[in-house]
Amino acid sequence: MTNKISEFLVDVLDNAYPQAFPRIACEDTVWFSEAGFFEEHQKLGNTLDKKVIDESVILCCYNILKLDEEKMDTVLQSRDFIILDEPLSVFRRK
């Protein structure tokens, strides 16, 4: 499944937009955790094609009220930016 998602995103980058156009992918990842696929989703980011990483911005959405402490630590350690909606705030990992 990971390869198919990566291939799909590469196809989108190759075909849908001019090179200079910003590319943003956003997904609500709450259902991954609720369906028992949290770890698989976290691994997905490590297997995406380099083109996807270099030429797009990927925003993953989580409901922090539904993440246990271990999952929250995983998310915080693997992301460069964290955006909270209440209160609206942005944090950057150094």
N, C-alpha and C. Protein backbone atom coordinates (compact mmCIF):
# COMPACT_ATOMS: atom_id res chain seq x y z
N MET A 1 0.82 -1.19 0.00
CA MET A 1 0.00 0.00 0.00
C MET A 1 0.87 1.26 0.00
N THR A 2 1.96 1.23 0.74
CA THR A 2 2.83 2.39 0.82
C THR A 2 3.36 2.78 -0.55
N ASN A 3 3.78 1.78 -1.33
CA ASN A 3 4.31 2.06 -2.67
C ASN A 3 3.24 2.69 -3.56
N LYS A 4 2.02 2.22 -3.46
CA LYS A 4 0.94 2.75 -4.29
C LYS A 4 0.66 4.22 -3.94
N ILE A 5 0.67 4.55 -2.67
CA ILE A 5 0.45 5.94 -2.27
C ILE A 5 1.59 6.82 -2.79
N SER A 6 2.81 6.37 -2.62
CA SER A 6 3.97 7.12 -3.09
C SER A 6 3.92 7.29 -4.61
N GLU A 7 3.61 6.21 -5.34
CA GLU A 7 3.51 6.29 -6.80
C GLU A 7 2.41 7.26 -7.23
N PHE A 8 1.27 7.22 -6.54
CA PHE A 8 0.18 8.14 -6.85
C PHE A 8 0.63 9.59 -6.67
N LEU A 9 1.30 9.89 -5.57
CA LEU A 9 1.74 11.26 -5.32
C LEU A 9 2.77 11.71 -6.36
N VAL A 10 3.66 10.81 -6.77
CA VAL A 10 4.63 11.15 -7.83
C VAL A 10 3.89 11.45 -9.13
N ASP A 11 2.89 10.65 -9.47
CA ASP A 11 2.10 10.89 -10.69
C ASP A 11 1.41 12.25 -10.63
N VAL A 12 0.86 12.59 -9.47
CA VAL A 12 0.21 13.89 -9.32
C VAL A 12 1.23 15.00 -9.53
N LEU A 13 2.40 14.87 -8.95
CA LEU A 13 3.44 15.90 -9.10
C LEU A 13 3.87 16.02 -10.55
N ASP A 14 3.98 14.88 -11.25
CA ASP A 14 4.45 14.89 -12.63
C ASP A 14 3.42 15.47 -13.60
N ASN A 15 2.13 15.25 -13.33
CA ASN A 15 1.13 15.55 -14.34
C ASN A 15 0.21 16.73 -14.06
N ALA A 16 -0.05 17.03 -12.82
CA ALA A 16 -1.14 17.94 -12.54
C ALA A 16 -0.75 19.41 -12.43
N TYR A 17 0.47 19.72 -12.10
CA TYR A 17 0.83 21.11 -11.80
C TYR A 17 2.08 21.54 -12.55
N PRO A 18 2.15 22.81 -12.88
CA PRO A 18 3.43 23.32 -13.40
C PRO A 18 4.50 23.21 -12.31
N GLN A 19 5.73 23.15 -12.70
CA GLN A 19 6.84 22.93 -11.76
C GLN A 19 6.87 23.95 -10.62
N ALA A 20 6.57 25.21 -10.89
CA ALA A 20 6.70 26.25 -9.87
C ALA A 20 5.47 26.37 -8.96
N PHE A 21 4.43 25.59 -9.21
CA PHE A 21 3.19 25.70 -8.44
C PHE A 21 3.34 24.97 -7.10
N PRO A 22 2.96 25.60 -5.99
CA PRO A 22 3.08 24.90 -4.70
C PRO A 22 2.17 23.68 -4.64
N ARG A 23 2.64 22.64 -4.00
CA ARG A 23 1.87 21.40 -3.90
C ARG A 23 1.68 21.05 -2.43
N ILE A 24 0.45 20.89 -2.03
CA ILE A 24 0.15 20.56 -0.64
C ILE A 24 -0.78 19.35 -0.61
N ALA A 25 -0.42 18.38 0.19
CA ALA A 25 -1.29 17.23 0.42
C ALA A 25 -1.69 17.27 1.88
N CYS A 26 -2.96 17.07 2.15
CA CYS A 26 -3.44 17.09 3.53
C CYS A 26 -4.36 15.90 3.74
N GLU A 27 -4.21 15.24 4.85
CA GLU A 27 -5.10 14.13 5.12
C GLU A 27 -5.45 14.09 6.60
N ASP A 28 -6.65 13.66 6.86
CA ASP A 28 -7.10 13.46 8.22
C ASP A 28 -6.65 12.07 8.63
N THR A 29 -5.65 11.99 9.48
CA THR A 29 -5.06 10.70 9.83
C THR A 29 -5.67 10.08 11.08
N VAL A 30 -6.71 10.68 11.62
CA VAL A 30 -7.34 10.16 12.83
C VAL A 30 -7.81 8.72 12.60
N TRP A 31 -8.40 8.46 11.44
CA TRP A 31 -8.96 7.13 11.20
C TRP A 31 -7.90 6.05 11.18
N PHE A 32 -6.64 6.40 10.77
CA PHE A 32 -5.57 5.40 10.80
C PHE A 32 -5.39 4.86 12.22
N SER A 33 -5.31 5.78 13.17
CA SER A 33 -5.11 5.39 14.56
C SER A 33 -6.30 4.60 15.09
N GLU A 34 -7.49 5.10 14.80
CA GLU A 34 -8.70 4.44 15.29
C GLU A 34 -8.90 3.05 14.69
N ALA A 35 -8.38 2.84 13.49
CA ALA A 35 -8.51 1.53 12.83
C ALA A 35 -7.33 0.60 13.13
N GLY A 36 -6.38 1.07 13.95
CA GLY A 36 -5.25 0.24 14.32
C GLY A 36 -4.07 0.30 13.36
N PHE A 37 -4.01 1.33 12.51
CA PHE A 37 -2.93 1.45 11.53
C PHE A 37 -1.99 2.62 11.83
N PHE A 38 -1.91 3.03 13.07
CA PHE A 38 -1.09 4.19 13.42
C PHE A 38 0.38 3.97 13.03
N GLU A 39 0.95 2.83 13.43
CA GLU A 39 2.37 2.57 13.16
C GLU A 39 2.65 2.51 11.66
N GLU A 40 1.75 1.87 10.89
CA GLU A 40 1.94 1.79 9.45
C GLU A 40 1.92 3.17 8.82
N HIS A 41 1.03 4.03 9.30
CA HIS A 41 0.97 5.38 8.76
C HIS A 41 2.24 6.15 9.07
N GLN A 42 2.79 5.98 10.26
CA GLN A 42 4.02 6.67 10.62
C GLN A 42 5.18 6.22 9.74
N LYS A 43 5.21 4.94 9.39
CA LYS A 43 6.27 4.40 8.53
C LYS A 43 6.14 4.92 7.10
N LEU A 44 4.93 5.26 6.68
CA LEU A 44 4.70 5.73 5.32
C LEU A 44 5.59 6.92 4.97
N GLY A 45 5.72 7.86 5.89
CA GLY A 45 6.54 9.03 5.63
C GLY A 45 7.99 8.71 5.32
N ASN A 46 8.50 7.61 5.86
CA ASN A 46 9.89 7.23 5.61
C ASN A 46 10.08 6.54 4.27
N THR A 47 8.99 6.14 3.63
CA THR A 47 9.12 5.39 2.38
C THR A 47 8.63 6.17 1.16
N LEU A 48 8.21 7.41 1.36
CA LEU A 48 7.75 8.20 0.22
C LEU A 48 8.91 8.52 -0.72
N ASP A 49 8.60 8.60 -1.98
CA ASP A 49 9.59 8.95 -2.99
C ASP A 49 10.20 10.31 -2.67
N LYS A 50 11.50 10.46 -2.92
CA LYS A 50 12.20 11.73 -2.63
C LYS A 50 11.55 12.90 -3.36
N LYS A 51 11.02 12.68 -4.54
CA LYS A 51 10.34 13.73 -5.29
C LYS A 51 9.15 14.28 -4.50
N VAL A 52 8.40 13.40 -3.86
CA VAL A 52 7.25 13.82 -3.07
C VAL A 52 7.71 14.69 -1.91
N ILE A 53 8.76 14.28 -1.23
CA ILE A 53 9.29 15.03 -0.09
C ILE A 53 9.83 16.39 -0.54
N ASP A 54 10.56 16.42 -1.65
CA ASP A 54 11.21 17.65 -2.10
C ASP A 54 10.25 18.65 -2.75
N GLU A 55 9.17 18.17 -3.37
CA GLU A 55 8.34 19.06 -4.17
C GLU A 55 6.94 19.26 -3.63
N SER A 56 6.68 18.87 -2.40
CA SER A 56 5.35 19.08 -1.85
C SER A 56 5.42 19.29 -0.35
N VAL A 57 4.33 19.72 0.20
CA VAL A 57 4.17 19.85 1.65
C VAL A 57 3.05 18.90 2.04
N ILE A 58 3.30 18.07 3.01
CA ILE A 58 2.29 17.10 3.44
C ILE A 58 1.86 17.46 4.86
N LEU A 59 0.57 17.69 5.02
CA LEU A 59 0.01 18.01 6.33
C LEU A 59 -0.80 16.82 6.81
N CYS A 60 -0.46 16.29 7.96
CA CYS A 60 -1.23 15.20 8.56
C CYS A 60 -2.01 15.76 9.74
N CYS A 61 -3.27 15.40 9.83
CA CYS A 61 -4.14 15.93 10.89
C CYS A 61 -4.42 14.84 11.91
N TYR A 62 -4.26 15.17 13.17
CA TYR A 62 -4.50 14.23 14.26
C TYR A 62 -5.45 14.84 15.27
N ASN A 63 -6.21 14.01 15.93
CA ASN A 63 -7.01 14.43 17.07
C ASN A 63 -6.20 14.02 18.30
N ILE A 64 -5.53 15.00 18.92
CA ILE A 64 -4.62 14.67 20.02
C ILE A 64 -5.35 14.10 21.23
N LEU A 65 -6.64 14.35 21.31
CA LEU A 65 -7.41 13.79 22.43
C LEU A 65 -7.57 12.28 22.31
N LYS A 66 -7.33 11.74 21.09
CA LYS A 66 -7.48 10.31 20.87
C LYS A 66 -6.14 9.58 20.75
N LEU A 67 -5.03 10.29 21.00
CA LEU A 67 -3.72 9.66 20.94
C LEU A 67 -3.22 9.40 22.36
N ASP A 68 -2.73 8.19 22.60
CA ASP A 68 -2.12 7.94 23.90
C ASP A 68 -0.74 8.60 23.94
N GLU A 69 -0.09 8.57 25.09
CA GLU A 69 1.18 9.28 25.27
C GLU A 69 2.26 8.77 24.31
N GLU A 70 2.32 7.46 24.10
CA GLU A 70 3.33 6.89 23.20
C GLU A 70 3.13 7.37 21.76
N LYS A 71 1.89 7.36 21.29
CA LYS A 71 1.61 7.82 19.93
C LYS A 71 1.88 9.32 19.80
N MET A 72 1.54 10.08 20.82
CA MET A 72 1.81 11.51 20.79
C MET A 72 3.32 11.77 20.70
N ASP A 73 4.12 11.03 21.45
CA ASP A 73 5.58 11.17 21.37
C ASP A 73 6.08 10.85 19.98
N THR A 74 5.53 9.80 19.36
CA THR A 74 5.93 9.43 17.99
C THR A 74 5.66 10.57 17.02
N VAL A 75 4.47 11.15 17.10
CA VAL A 75 4.12 12.25 16.20
C VAL A 75 5.05 13.44 16.44
N LEU A 76 5.25 13.80 17.68
CA LEU A 76 6.07 14.98 18.00
C LEU A 76 7.53 14.80 17.58
N GLN A 77 8.05 13.59 17.67
CA GLN A 77 9.44 13.35 17.32
C GLN A 77 9.68 13.24 15.82
N SER A 78 8.63 12.98 15.05
CA SER A 78 8.83 12.73 13.62
C SER A 78 8.40 13.90 12.74
N ARG A 79 7.96 15.00 13.32
CA ARG A 79 7.49 16.14 12.53
C ARG A 79 8.33 17.37 12.82
N ASP A 80 8.61 18.14 11.78
CA ASP A 80 9.36 19.38 11.97
C ASP A 80 8.47 20.51 12.46
N PHE A 81 7.19 20.47 12.08
CA PHE A 81 6.24 21.50 12.49
C PHE A 81 5.01 20.85 13.09
N ILE A 82 4.48 21.46 14.13
CA ILE A 82 3.23 21.04 14.74
C ILE A 82 2.31 22.27 14.77
N ILE A 83 1.10 22.11 14.24
CA ILE A 83 0.12 23.19 14.22
C ILE A 83 -1.06 22.75 15.08
N LEU A 84 -1.40 23.56 16.07
CA LEU A 84 -2.56 23.27 16.92
C LEU A 84 -3.69 24.21 16.54
N ASP A 85 -4.91 23.70 16.60
CA ASP A 85 -6.03 24.56 16.23
C ASP A 85 -6.63 25.31 17.41
N GLU A 86 -6.49 24.79 18.62
CA GLU A 86 -7.04 25.48 19.79
C GLU A 86 -6.04 25.45 20.93
N PRO A 87 -5.40 26.53 21.25
CA PRO A 87 -5.40 27.79 20.51
C PRO A 87 -4.54 27.65 19.25
N LEU A 88 -4.86 28.41 18.23
CA LEU A 88 -4.10 28.36 16.98
C LEU A 88 -2.65 28.73 17.27
N SER A 89 -1.75 27.78 17.05
CA SER A 89 -0.33 28.00 17.31
C SER A 89 0.50 27.07 16.44
N VAL A 90 1.71 27.50 16.15
CA VAL A 90 2.63 26.72 15.32
C VAL A 90 3.93 26.56 16.09
N PHE A 91 4.43 25.30 16.12
CA PHE A 91 5.68 25.02 16.79
C PHE A 91 6.64 24.39 15.78
N ARG A 92 7.92 24.79 15.84
CA ARG A 92 8.94 24.21 14.97
C ARG A 92 9.98 23.50 15.82
N ARG A 93 10.28 22.28 15.42
CA ARG A 93 11.30 21.51 16.13
C ARG A 93 12.67 22.01 15.70
N LYS A 94 13.57 22.15 16.64
CA LYS A 94 14.93 22.60 16.32
C LYS A 94 15.87 21.44 16.26
